[in-house]
Amino acid sequence: MNTIIAALAAVPRIVVRGIVALSALCAIAALAVAIDPTWIESVLGASPDGGSGEAEWALVLGLAAASLTLAVMALAAIRSRRSVAIAR
């Protein structure tokens, strides 16, 4: 466990900020697809799921899961950095 904390604490701040930004981008994209799911058919000119909407909701769920995972990773890195700084 201490090695994981030390490894997360060693992640540079710029990388953590990039993870946070990517998490926010995934959340915004998931929200955009949830609000207007038909843009995929408009852009592609085809309906990948035959008009049922399953592909759009799969995309929303995938983007939301990616956003949540990235946010947890960033939070873990930030907390481990603080715990290592307090321990010193």
C-alpha atoms as a PDB file:
ATOM      1  CA  MET A   1       0.000   0.000   0.000  1.00  0.00           C
ATOM      2  CA  ASN A   2       2.815   2.414   0.810  1.00  0.00           C
ATOM      3  CA  THR A   3       4.349   1.810  -2.611  1.00  0.00           C
ATOM      4  CA  ILE A   4       1.086   2.728  -4.302  1.00  0.00           C
ATOM      5  CA  ILE A   5       0.846   5.925  -2.256  1.00  0.00           C
ATOM      6  CA  ALA A   6       4.463   6.788  -3.034  1.00  0.00           C
ATOM      7  CA  ALA A   7       3.907   6.100  -6.734  1.00  0.00           C
ATOM      8  CA  LEU A   8       0.804   8.290  -6.840  1.00  0.00           C
ATOM      9  CA  ALA A   9       2.603  11.039  -4.936  1.00  0.00           C
ATOM     10  CA  ALA A  10       5.331  10.991  -7.574  1.00  0.00           C
ATOM     11  CA  VAL A  11       2.911  11.832 -10.382  1.00  0.00           C
ATOM     12  CA  PRO A  12       3.772  15.341 -11.625  1.00  0.00           C
ATOM     13  CA  ARG A  13       1.193  18.074 -11.034  1.00  0.00           C
ATOM     14  CA  ILE A  14       0.864  18.753 -14.750  1.00  0.00           C
ATOM     15  CA  VAL A  15      -0.184  15.137 -15.299  1.00  0.00           C
ATOM     16  CA  VAL A  16      -2.760  15.365 -12.516  1.00  0.00           C
ATOM     17  CA  ARG A  17      -4.112  18.573 -14.055  1.00  0.00           C
ATOM     18  CA  GLY A  18      -4.301  16.828 -17.428  1.00  0.00           C
ATOM     19  CA  ILE A  19      -6.246  13.960 -15.865  1.00  0.00           C
ATOM     20  CA  VAL A  20      -8.660  16.435 -14.265  1.00  0.00           C
ATOM     21  CA  ALA A  21      -9.095  18.245 -17.599  1.00  0.00           C
ATOM     22  CA  LEU A  22      -9.714  14.967 -19.436  1.00  0.00           C
ATOM     23  CA  SER A  23     -12.233  13.944 -16.790  1.00  0.00           C
ATOM     24  CA  ALA A  24     -14.084  17.238 -17.234  1.00  0.00           C
ATOM     25  CA  LEU A  25     -14.006  16.855 -21.016  1.00  0.00           C
ATOM     26  CA  CYS A  26     -15.516  13.365 -20.780  1.00  0.00           C
ATOM     27  CA  ALA A  27     -18.232  14.643 -18.430  1.00  0.00           C
ATOM     28  CA  ILE A  28     -19.092  17.511 -20.791  1.00  0.00           C
ATOM     29  CA  ALA A  29     -19.180  15.147 -23.776  1.00  0.00           C
ATOM     30  CA  ALA A  30     -21.431  12.714 -21.880  1.00  0.00           C
ATOM     31  CA  LEU A  31     -23.770  15.561 -20.991  1.00  0.00           C
ATOM     32  CA  ALA A  32     -23.807  16.822 -24.582  1.00  0.00           C
ATOM     33  CA  VAL A  33     -24.672  13.375 -25.935  1.00  0.00           C
ATOM     34  CA  ALA A  34     -27.350  12.916 -23.263  1.00  0.00           C
ATOM     35  CA  ILE A  35     -28.948  16.263 -24.148  1.00  0.00           C
ATOM     36  CA  ASP A  36     -28.902  15.777 -27.937  1.00  0.00           C
ATOM     37  CA  PRO A  37     -28.261  12.139 -28.834  1.00  0.00           C
ATOM     38  CA  THR A  38     -29.253  12.567 -32.487  1.00  0.00           C
ATOM     39  CA  TRP A  39     -26.115  14.543 -33.378  1.00  0.00           C
ATOM     40  CA  ILE A  40     -24.311  11.267 -34.066  1.00  0.00           C
ATOM     41  CA  GLU A  41     -26.712  10.440 -36.898  1.00  0.00           C
ATOM     42  CA  SER A  42     -26.430  14.017 -38.182  1.00  0.00           C
ATOM     43  CA  VAL A  43     -22.636  13.989 -38.275  1.00  0.00           C
ATOM     44  CA  LEU A  44     -22.147  10.426 -39.536  1.00  0.00           C
ATOM     45  CA  GLY A  45     -25.103  10.422 -41.885  1.00  0.00           C
ATOM     46  CA  ALA A  46     -25.938   6.928 -40.688  1.00  0.00           C
ATOM     47  CA  SER A  47     -27.623   5.330 -37.723  1.00  0.00           C
ATOM     48  CA  PRO A  48     -25.228   2.814 -36.166  1.00  0.00           C
ATOM     49  CA  ASP A  49     -27.966   1.253 -34.040  1.00  0.00           C
ATOM     50  CA  GLY A  50     -30.811   1.397 -36.523  1.00  0.00           C
ATOM     51  CA  GLY A  51     -32.489   4.330 -34.792  1.00  0.00           C
ATOM     52  CA  SER A  52     -33.028   2.650 -31.420  1.00  0.00           C
ATOM     53  CA  GLY A  53     -30.729   5.011 -29.513  1.00  0.00           C
ATOM     54  CA  GLU A  54     -28.694   2.228 -27.899  1.00  0.00           C
ATOM     55  CA  ALA A  55     -25.391   3.444 -29.352  1.00  0.00           C
ATOM     56  CA  GLU A  56     -25.950   6.930 -27.998  1.00  0.00           C
ATOM     57  CA  TRP A  57     -26.721   5.694 -24.483  1.00  0.00           C
ATOM     58  CA  ALA A  58     -23.751   3.330 -24.605  1.00  0.00           C
ATOM     59  CA  LEU A  59     -21.614   6.342 -25.493  1.00  0.00           C
ATOM     60  CA  VAL A  60     -23.084   8.347 -22.600  1.00  0.00           C
ATOM     61  CA  LEU A  61     -22.405   5.523 -20.150  1.00  0.00           C
ATOM     62  CA  GLY A  62     -18.870   4.996 -21.472  1.00  0.00           C
ATOM     63  CA  LEU A  63     -17.997   8.680 -21.252  1.00  0.00           C
ATOM     64  CA  ALA A  64     -19.521   8.974 -17.772  1.00  0.00           C
ATOM     65  CA  ALA A  65     -17.567   5.922 -16.597  1.00  0.00           C
ATOM     66  CA  ALA A  66     -14.350   7.337 -18.054  1.00  0.00           C
ATOM     67  CA  SER A  67     -15.001  10.687 -16.378  1.00  0.00           C
ATOM     68  CA  LEU A  68     -15.627   9.059 -13.009  1.00  0.00           C
ATOM     69  CA  THR A  69     -12.568   6.812 -13.290  1.00  0.00           C
ATOM     70  CA  LEU A  70     -10.297   9.701 -14.229  1.00  0.00           C
ATOM     71  CA  ALA A  71     -11.679  11.866 -11.421  1.00  0.00           C
ATOM     72  CA  VAL A  72     -11.015   9.115  -8.871  1.00  0.00           C
ATOM     73  CA  MET A  73      -7.471   8.685 -10.214  1.00  0.00           C
ATOM     74  CA  ALA A  74      -6.792  12.416  -9.920  1.00  0.00           C
ATOM     75  CA  LEU A  75      -8.273  12.550  -6.430  1.00  0.00           C
ATOM     76  CA  ALA A  76      -6.135   9.601  -5.334  1.00  0.00           C
ATOM     77  CA  ALA A  77      -3.003  11.292  -6.681  1.00  0.00           C
ATOM     78  CA  ILE A  78      -3.836  14.572  -4.950  1.00  0.00           C
ATOM     79  CA  ARG A  79      -4.592  12.871  -1.621  1.00  0.00           C
ATOM     80  CA  SER A  80      -1.472  10.738  -1.741  1.00  0.00           C
ATOM     81  CA  ARG A  81       0.641  13.804  -2.464  1.00  0.00           C
ATOM     82  CA  ARG A  82      -0.851  15.510   0.597  1.00  0.00           C
ATOM     83  CA  SER A  83      -0.406  12.466   2.834  1.00  0.00           C
ATOM     84  CA  VAL A  84       3.260  12.124   1.829  1.00  0.00           C
ATOM     85  CA  ALA A  85       3.805  15.839   2.446  1.00  0.00           C
ATOM     86  CA  ILE A  86       2.226  15.579   5.914  1.00  0.00           C
ATOM     87  CA  ALA A  87       4.299  12.501   6.776  1.00  0.00           C
ATOM     88  CA  ARG A  88       7.530  14.353   6.038  1.00  0.00           C
END
